[in-house]
Amino acid sequence: MTCSIIIPVFNQLPFTEACLNAVFGTLPPHVRVEVIVVDNGSTDGTAEFLLRATEQNISLRVISVGRNAGFSTACNLGAEAARGDLLLFLNNDTIPLQNWLAHLLIAAASPDVAVVGPKLVYPQSNTINHAGYVYNASLHAFYPIYHREEAGFHGVTKERDFQAVLGACLLVKRGPFFAAGMFAPYGLEDVDLCLKVRQQGLRIVFNPLSTVLHHGSVTLSQSAPGTIPVADTRGFEERWPRHLLQSDDERFYREDGFSVRSMRDGQVELDENITESNRLVDQAAAGSPSQAVPNEILLKKALDLYPHNVRALHALMILRRRRGECGDALRCAEILRRVEPGNFERHLGVVELALLAGNHDRAAQILEHIARFPDLPASISERVKLLRGKLD
């Protein structure tokens, strides 16, 4: 497997240099990576810097456009020159953190996943730049969920499927990318690409374990007027009328324990349901084991208010496992695995329940998934070996 990292640049040399240093300092072992920088006619010494850099690093290639052709054209040129099975488009005002690429590749290993995006964080404030796009039908607009929330906010720590992720850091499989017609020449090209990939029956995944710092719009904000091609969104509007888009923002908020009170001037006002959900979990925990049915009712009510309540999901999983309802318990475990993707116990719990339910294929898939994690603790590796032995 080869991954091609494609970085379009226009001036902003200090950001490009910092980005490349971070990329080459965080590449996972045993993965072939090439880095392609597409220079959109920089005039600030970027071209000279890149020439020196390619002489020192055989994994770095440069494509010189000679003019500012814009983001989409630069990315498409890089993709056409790329050799990788996976294409990773990366803005030059980003700083990838340790294991960022490893976790993107882990998510992309699933055959039904075509696009993966990381958690993008503003370095100045440690707040969310991007954690997935949601769509609101009344606004007829995509917007980044939980923008400017703290980087550790519970809504952005779970693996999720979205209609689209931001193009500032976007990993896509080669086949689906070209089948979708590459990046469109009109605005919202990242959303457009993701929507076209979804039409192929493939998934767009947000992976919160991959973190990339993103200053955000540096080239646009620091370039002289007239030097950046204007992206017209009319082509997007014509390609994607309202009836083709799924209004999904309220569903995501509900999963996280919120209900939408109002949407004013594009700002979301939320009501919090988490406290009441946790009160119901506490009430169920106080009941005796002989009260299984009343306890289950309480847990279901808690999950109606807050579908991703970890305590409620775990309690319901245990209750169903004790009753021998392994299939229902497995469904709870699968949700927990995505809500807490960095918790190895959640992954192992899916394996154990899949074995009990007789679903050996699923158990094998999750064991393979766990084995791909970087820096796997020895105790987890040992348990993976024991569970593999049960499969054999």
Protein backbone atom coordinates (compact mmCIF):
# COMPACT_ATOMS: atom_id res chain seq x y z
CA MET A 1 0.00 0.00 0.00
CA THR A 2 1.24 3.45 -0.93
CA CYS A 3 -0.09 6.76 0.34
CA SER A 4 0.42 9.96 -1.64
CA ILE A 5 0.22 13.15 0.44
CA ILE A 6 -0.68 16.08 -1.83
CA ILE A 7 -0.04 19.60 -0.51
CA PRO A 8 -1.13 22.59 -2.64
CA VAL A 9 0.77 25.79 -1.79
CA PHE A 10 0.77 29.44 -2.75
CA ASN A 11 3.42 31.42 -0.87
CA GLN A 12 3.32 31.17 2.97
CA LEU A 13 6.77 29.52 3.04
CA PRO A 14 7.08 29.35 6.87
CA PHE A 15 3.83 27.36 7.05
CA THR A 16 4.89 25.04 4.23
CA GLU A 17 8.25 24.33 5.88
CA ALA A 18 6.63 23.64 9.26
CA CYS A 19 4.02 21.40 7.66
CA LEU A 20 6.59 19.32 5.76
CA ASN A 21 8.75 18.94 8.87
CA ALA A 22 5.72 17.69 10.80
CA VAL A 23 4.65 15.31 8.03
CA PHE A 24 8.06 13.69 7.62
CA GLY A 25 8.49 13.52 11.40
CA THR A 26 5.28 11.55 11.92
CA LEU A 27 5.17 9.01 9.08
CA PRO A 28 4.31 5.49 10.27
CA PRO A 29 6.83 2.72 9.65
CA HIS A 30 6.08 0.00 7.10
CA VAL A 31 3.96 2.36 4.99
CA ARG A 32 5.26 3.69 1.69
CA VAL A 33 4.59 7.41 1.49
CA GLU A 34 5.33 10.00 -1.17
CA VAL A 35 4.75 13.70 -0.64
CA ILE A 36 3.77 15.84 -3.62
CA VAL A 37 3.82 19.61 -3.23
CA VAL A 38 1.92 21.46 -5.93
CA ASP A 39 3.27 25.01 -6.16
CA ASN A 40 0.63 27.40 -7.47
CA GLY A 41 3.15 29.98 -8.69
CA SER A 42 4.62 31.08 -5.34
CA THR A 43 6.81 34.21 -5.37
CA ASP A 44 8.15 34.25 -1.80
CA GLY A 45 11.06 31.81 -2.06
CA THR A 46 8.88 28.71 -1.82
CA ALA A 47 10.10 27.38 -5.20
CA GLU A 48 13.76 27.68 -4.19
CA PHE A 49 13.08 26.04 -0.81
CA LEU A 50 11.25 23.14 -2.44
CA LEU A 51 14.09 22.59 -4.92
CA ARG A 52 16.57 22.24 -2.06
CA ALA A 53 14.16 20.00 -0.13
CA THR A 54 13.73 17.56 -3.04
CA GLU A 55 17.51 17.22 -3.31
CA GLN A 56 17.60 16.13 0.34
CA ASN A 57 14.49 13.89 0.39
CA ILE A 58 13.72 11.33 -2.32
CA SER A 59 10.15 10.95 -0.98
CA LEU A 60 9.35 14.56 -1.88
CA ARG A 61 8.22 15.61 -5.36
CA VAL A 62 7.23 19.05 -6.63
CA ILE A 63 4.83 20.06 -9.37
CA SER A 64 5.17 23.69 -10.47
CA VAL A 65 2.00 25.14 -11.97
CA GLY A 66 3.45 28.58 -12.74
CA ARG A 67 0.28 30.40 -11.72
CA ASN A 68 -2.33 30.23 -9.00
CA ALA A 69 -4.74 27.72 -10.51
CA GLY A 70 -6.68 27.35 -7.28
CA PHE A 71 -7.16 24.56 -4.74
CA SER A 72 -9.16 22.13 -6.88
CA THR A 73 -6.91 22.28 -9.93
CA ALA A 74 -3.74 21.98 -7.86
CA CYS A 75 -5.09 18.98 -5.96
CA ASN A 76 -6.26 17.29 -9.16
CA LEU A 77 -2.84 17.79 -10.77
CA GLY A 78 -1.22 16.25 -7.73
CA ALA A 79 -3.63 13.31 -7.79
CA GLU A 80 -2.98 12.62 -11.47
CA ALA A 81 0.76 12.51 -10.78
CA ALA A 82 0.40 10.42 -7.62
CA ARG A 83 1.35 6.76 -7.44
CA GLY A 84 -0.51 5.95 -4.24
CA ASP A 85 -3.49 3.70 -3.63
CA LEU A 86 -4.54 6.34 -1.10
CA LEU A 87 -4.56 10.08 -1.73
CA LEU A 88 -4.26 12.45 1.21
CA PHE A 89 -4.95 16.12 0.52
CA LEU A 90 -3.36 18.38 3.12
CA ASN A 91 -3.29 22.16 3.49
CA ASN A 92 0.11 23.72 4.10
CA ASP A 93 -1.14 25.60 7.19
CA THR A 94 -1.48 22.32 9.11
CA ILE A 95 0.73 20.60 11.66
CA PRO A 96 -0.01 16.86 11.84
CA LEU A 97 0.49 15.34 15.29
CA GLN A 98 1.98 11.96 16.20
CA ASN A 99 0.14 8.91 14.77
CA TRP A 100 -2.22 11.10 12.73
CA LEU A 101 -1.61 9.17 9.52
CA ALA A 102 -1.57 5.76 11.21
CA HIS A 103 -5.09 6.31 12.54
CA LEU A 104 -6.39 7.60 9.19
CA LEU A 105 -5.01 4.46 7.52
CA ILE A 106 -6.61 2.23 10.17
CA ALA A 107 -10.03 3.74 9.45
CA ALA A 108 -9.47 3.50 5.69
CA ALA A 109 -8.68 -0.22 5.95
CA SER A 110 -12.41 -1.04 6.02
CA PRO A 111 -13.50 -1.89 2.45
CA ASP A 112 -16.70 0.18 2.74
CA VAL A 113 -14.82 3.34 3.80
CA ALA A 114 -13.63 5.66 1.02
CA VAL A 115 -12.90 8.96 2.80
CA VAL A 116 -11.46 9.65 6.25
CA GLY A 117 -10.98 12.99 7.96
CA PRO A 118 -9.14 13.76 11.23
CA LYS A 119 -9.98 16.06 14.10
CA LEU A 120 -8.76 19.50 13.04
CA VAL A 121 -7.85 21.80 15.93
CA TYR A 122 -7.00 25.51 16.04
CA PRO A 123 -3.50 25.63 17.62
CA GLN A 124 -4.03 29.09 19.10
CA SER A 125 -7.09 28.16 21.18
CA ASN A 126 -7.11 24.33 21.27
CA THR A 127 -10.66 24.43 19.96
CA ILE A 128 -12.35 22.55 17.13
CA ASN A 129 -11.77 23.77 13.60
CA HIS A 130 -13.49 20.77 12.05
CA ALA A 131 -14.95 17.45 13.21
CA GLY A 132 -17.33 16.70 10.35
CA TYR A 133 -19.88 18.61 8.29
CA VAL A 134 -23.59 18.50 9.15
CA TYR A 135 -26.43 19.77 7.01
CA ASN A 136 -29.45 21.85 8.00
CA ALA A 137 -32.32 21.85 5.52
CA SER A 138 -33.92 25.09 6.69
CA LEU A 139 -30.61 26.92 6.23
CA HIS A 140 -29.77 24.86 3.15
CA ALA A 141 -26.21 24.84 4.38
CA PHE A 142 -23.43 22.52 5.49
CA TYR A 143 -21.55 23.68 8.57
CA PRO A 144 -18.86 22.17 10.85
CA ILE A 145 -20.37 20.56 13.91
CA TYR A 146 -19.18 21.89 17.30
CA HIS A 147 -17.00 24.55 15.73
CA ARG A 148 -14.92 26.34 18.40
CA GLU A 149 -15.83 23.84 21.13
CA GLU A 150 -12.95 22.52 23.27
CA ALA A 151 -10.84 19.88 21.52
CA GLY A 152 -11.83 17.26 24.13
CA PHE A 153 -15.59 17.96 23.96
CA HIS A 154 -17.53 14.67 24.10
CA GLY A 155 -19.20 15.27 20.75
CA VAL A 156 -15.89 15.18 18.86
CA THR A 157 -14.20 12.19 20.51
CA LYS A 158 -16.19 9.47 18.71
CA GLU A 159 -15.82 7.85 15.31
CA ARG A 160 -18.72 8.84 13.07
CA ASP A 161 -20.00 8.74 9.53
CA PHE A 162 -20.76 12.14 7.99
CA GLN A 163 -21.98 13.31 4.61
CA ALA A 164 -18.71 15.23 4.23
CA VAL A 165 -15.44 16.22 5.89
CA LEU A 166 -13.16 19.20 5.31
CA GLY A 167 -10.65 19.18 2.47
CA ALA A 168 -7.89 20.72 4.62
CA CYS A 169 -6.98 17.14 5.52
CA LEU A 170 -8.86 14.48 3.61
CA LEU A 171 -7.78 10.90 2.90
CA VAL A 172 -9.55 9.23 -0.03
CA LYS A 173 -9.04 5.97 -1.86
CA ARG A 174 -7.78 6.41 -5.38
CA GLY A 175 -10.56 4.54 -7.20
CA PRO A 176 -13.52 6.38 -5.61
CA PHE A 177 -11.74 9.73 -6.06
CA PHE A 178 -11.36 9.38 -9.81
CA ALA A 179 -14.78 7.71 -10.14
CA ALA A 180 -16.26 10.84 -8.52
CA GLY A 181 -14.59 13.04 -11.16
CA MET A 182 -11.92 14.42 -8.80
CA PHE A 183 -12.41 17.86 -7.21
CA ALA A 184 -15.00 20.00 -8.96
CA PRO A 185 -14.03 23.42 -10.39
CA TYR A 186 -16.74 25.15 -8.34
CA GLY A 187 -16.83 25.99 -4.62
CA LEU A 188 -17.51 23.55 -1.79
CA GLU A 189 -15.39 21.07 -3.71
CA ASP A 190 -14.63 18.97 -0.62
CA VAL A 191 -18.33 18.55 0.23
CA ASP A 192 -19.09 17.87 -3.43
CA LEU A 193 -16.45 15.13 -3.60
CA CYS A 194 -17.72 13.43 -0.44
CA LEU A 195 -21.33 13.50 -1.63
CA LYS A 196 -20.33 11.93 -4.95
CA VAL A 197 -18.34 9.25 -3.14
CA ARG A 198 -21.36 8.47 -0.96
CA GLN A 199 -23.38 7.95 -4.13
CA GLN A 200 -20.99 5.06 -4.82
CA GLY A 201 -22.31 3.39 -1.66
CA LEU A 202 -19.16 4.17 0.33
CA ARG A 203 -18.68 5.75 3.74
CA ILE A 204 -17.19 9.10 4.83
CA VAL A 205 -15.64 8.66 8.29
CA PHE A 206 -14.42 11.11 10.93
CA ASN A 207 -11.59 9.62 13.01
CA PRO A 208 -11.04 11.54 16.27
CA LEU A 209 -7.86 9.62 17.14
CA SER A 210 -6.10 11.40 14.27
CA THR A 211 -5.39 15.01 15.23
CA VAL A 212 -4.06 17.73 12.95
CA LEU A 213 -3.51 21.34 13.98
CA HIS A 214 -4.97 23.74 11.43
CA HIS A 215 -4.43 27.49 11.47
CA GLY A 216 -7.27 27.91 8.97
CA SER A 217 -7.50 30.00 5.76
CA VAL A 218 -3.95 31.35 6.07
CA THR A 219 -3.35 31.56 2.31
CA LEU A 220 -6.71 33.20 1.71
CA SER A 221 -6.40 35.73 4.53
CA GLN A 222 -2.75 36.65 3.92
CA SER A 223 -2.72 36.89 0.12
CA ALA A 224 -3.06 40.10 -1.85
CA PRO A 225 -6.45 40.81 -3.44
CA GLY A 226 -6.83 39.21 -6.86
CA THR A 227 -4.15 36.53 -6.32
CA ILE A 228 -6.58 33.80 -5.19
CA PRO A 229 -9.10 32.44 -7.73
CA VAL A 230 -12.68 33.01 -6.55
CA ALA A 231 -14.65 29.80 -6.01
CA ASP A 232 -18.23 30.18 -7.24
CA THR A 233 -20.70 27.89 -5.47
CA ARG A 234 -23.43 28.09 -8.14
CA GLY A 235 -22.17 24.86 -9.70
CA PHE A 236 -22.57 23.14 -6.35
CA GLU A 237 -26.11 24.48 -5.92
CA GLU A 238 -27.08 23.17 -9.35
CA ARG A 239 -25.51 19.75 -8.70
CA TRP A 240 -26.97 19.34 -5.21
CA PRO A 241 -30.56 20.61 -4.85
CA ARG A 242 -32.14 20.31 -1.40
CA HIS A 243 -33.96 17.04 -2.05
CA LEU A 244 -30.65 15.22 -2.60
CA LEU A 245 -29.26 16.26 0.80
CA GLN A 246 -29.95 14.73 4.19
CA SER A 247 -30.80 17.14 7.01
CA ASP A 248 -28.85 15.45 9.79
CA ASP A 249 -27.56 18.03 12.27
CA GLU A 250 -30.34 17.49 14.83
CA ARG A 251 -29.68 13.72 14.81
CA PHE A 252 -26.04 14.26 15.74
CA TYR A 253 -26.95 16.67 18.54
CA ARG A 254 -29.51 14.20 19.86
CA GLU A 255 -26.94 11.39 19.90
CA ASP A 256 -24.76 13.63 22.06
CA GLY A 257 -27.50 14.39 24.59
CA PHE A 258 -28.83 17.67 23.21
CA SER A 259 -32.01 18.89 21.56
CA VAL A 260 -32.14 21.95 19.32
CA ARG A 261 -33.96 24.86 20.93
CA SER A 262 -33.53 27.24 18.04
CA MET A 263 -31.38 28.17 15.06
CA ARG A 264 -30.85 31.92 15.03
CA ASP A 265 -28.68 33.72 12.49
CA GLY A 266 -26.94 30.44 11.75
CA GLN A 267 -26.14 29.85 15.43
CA VAL A 268 -27.42 26.71 17.11
CA GLU A 269 -28.95 26.95 20.59
CA LEU A 270 -29.13 23.61 22.38
CA ASP A 271 -30.94 22.19 25.41
CA GLU A 272 -29.02 19.66 27.50
CA ASN A 273 -30.55 16.22 28.18
CA ILE A 274 -27.46 14.59 29.66
CA THR A 275 -28.25 15.30 33.32
CA GLU A 276 -31.70 13.68 33.18
CA SER A 277 -30.30 10.74 31.22
CA ASN A 278 -27.65 10.13 33.89
CA ARG A 279 -30.28 10.41 36.63
CA LEU A 280 -32.20 7.54 35.02
CA VAL A 281 -29.00 5.47 34.80
CA ASP A 282 -28.36 6.09 38.50
CA GLN A 283 -31.93 5.00 39.26
CA ALA A 284 -31.45 1.79 37.29
CA ALA A 285 -28.13 1.13 39.05
CA ALA A 286 -29.84 1.46 42.43
CA GLY A 287 -32.36 -1.27 41.54
CA SER A 288 -31.77 -4.92 42.41
CA PRO A 289 -30.77 -7.49 39.74
CA SER A 290 -34.19 -9.10 40.17
CA GLN A 291 -35.73 -5.92 38.71
CA ALA A 292 -34.26 -6.55 35.26
CA VAL A 293 -37.31 -5.41 33.29
CA PRO A 294 -37.86 -2.12 35.19
CA ASN A 295 -34.11 -1.45 35.02
CA GLU A 296 -34.09 -2.04 31.26
CA ILE A 297 -37.00 0.39 30.85
CA LEU A 298 -35.06 3.05 32.75
CA LEU A 299 -31.95 2.47 30.65
CA LYS A 300 -33.94 2.72 27.43
CA LYS A 301 -35.45 6.00 28.60
CA ALA A 302 -31.93 7.24 29.39
CA LEU A 303 -30.83 6.32 25.88
CA ASP A 304 -33.85 8.02 24.33
CA LEU A 305 -32.59 11.25 25.89
CA TYR A 306 -28.91 10.61 25.19
CA PRO A 307 -28.31 7.74 22.72
CA HIS A 308 -24.53 7.79 23.21
CA ASN A 309 -24.64 7.71 27.02
CA VAL A 310 -21.72 5.35 27.70
CA ARG A 311 -22.95 4.36 31.17
CA ALA A 312 -26.41 3.47 29.88
CA LEU A 313 -25.06 1.55 26.88
CA HIS A 314 -22.63 -0.41 29.05
CA ALA A 315 -25.30 -1.26 31.65
CA LEU A 316 -27.74 -2.38 28.95
CA MET A 317 -25.02 -4.46 27.28
CA ILE A 318 -24.25 -6.25 30.58
CA LEU A 319 -27.94 -6.83 31.31
CA ARG A 320 -28.54 -8.38 27.89
CA ARG A 321 -25.38 -10.48 28.07
CA ARG A 322 -26.51 -11.94 31.41
CA ARG A 323 -29.82 -12.87 29.84
CA GLY A 324 -28.02 -14.63 27.00
CA GLU A 325 -29.17 -12.06 24.43
CA CYS A 326 -25.74 -11.90 22.82
CA GLY A 327 -26.91 -10.35 19.55
CA ASP A 328 -28.58 -7.42 21.34
CA ALA A 329 -25.58 -7.07 23.65
CA LEU A 330 -23.29 -7.02 20.61
CA ARG A 331 -25.24 -4.11 19.10
CA CYS A 332 -24.62 -2.08 22.28
CA ALA A 333 -20.94 -3.03 22.20
CA GLU A 334 -20.61 -1.92 18.58
CA ILE A 335 -21.93 1.55 19.46
CA LEU A 336 -19.59 1.77 22.45
CA ARG A 337 -16.63 0.87 20.22
CA ARG A 338 -17.31 3.86 17.97
CA VAL A 339 -18.17 6.22 20.83
CA GLU A 340 -14.86 5.39 22.55
CA PRO A 341 -12.56 4.40 19.65
CA GLY A 342 -9.40 4.75 21.72
CA ASN A 343 -10.62 2.40 24.46
CA PHE A 344 -9.24 -1.07 23.68
CA GLU A 345 -11.64 -2.67 26.16
CA ARG A 346 -14.52 -1.55 23.95
CA HIS A 347 -13.00 -3.24 20.91
CA LEU A 348 -12.24 -6.43 22.84
CA GLY A 349 -15.79 -6.41 24.20
CA VAL A 350 -17.10 -6.57 20.63
CA VAL A 351 -14.79 -9.51 19.90
CA GLU A 352 -15.94 -11.47 22.96
CA LEU A 353 -19.63 -10.87 22.25
CA ALA A 354 -19.19 -11.66 18.55
CA LEU A 355 -17.67 -15.01 19.56
CA LEU A 356 -20.57 -15.71 21.94
CA ALA A 357 -23.05 -14.79 19.19
CA GLY A 358 -21.27 -17.11 16.74
CA ASN A 359 -20.20 -14.24 14.50
CA HIS A 360 -16.59 -15.31 13.96
CA ASP A 361 -16.11 -13.12 10.90
CA ARG A 362 -16.89 -9.98 12.91
CA ALA A 363 -14.60 -11.10 15.73
CA ALA A 364 -11.76 -11.62 13.24
CA GLN A 365 -12.36 -8.17 11.68
CA ILE A 366 -12.13 -6.37 15.01
CA LEU A 367 -9.03 -8.32 16.07
CA GLU A 368 -7.37 -7.30 12.81
CA HIS A 369 -8.46 -3.70 13.45
CA ILE A 370 -6.94 -3.67 16.96
CA ALA A 371 -3.66 -5.14 15.71
CA ARG A 372 -3.16 -2.14 13.40
CA PHE A 373 -3.03 0.37 16.27
CA PRO A 374 0.37 2.00 16.88
CA ASP A 375 1.99 1.50 20.29
CA LEU A 376 -0.39 -1.30 21.30
CA PRO A 377 0.03 -2.09 25.05
CA ALA A 378 1.57 -5.51 25.76
CA SER A 379 -1.43 -6.57 27.84
CA ILE A 380 -3.80 -5.84 24.95
CA SER A 381 -1.54 -7.65 22.47
CA GLU A 382 -1.62 -10.71 24.74
CA ARG A 383 -5.41 -10.69 24.91
CA VAL A 384 -5.60 -10.32 21.14
CA LYS A 385 -3.45 -13.46 20.81
CA LEU A 386 -5.68 -15.38 23.25
CA LEU A 387 -8.84 -14.37 21.37
CA ARG A 388 -7.24 -15.31 18.05
CA GLY A 389 -6.57 -18.71 19.58
CA LYS A 390 -10.29 -19.10 20.30
CA LEU A 391 -11.04 -18.27 16.69
CA ASP A 392 -8.56 -20.85 15.43
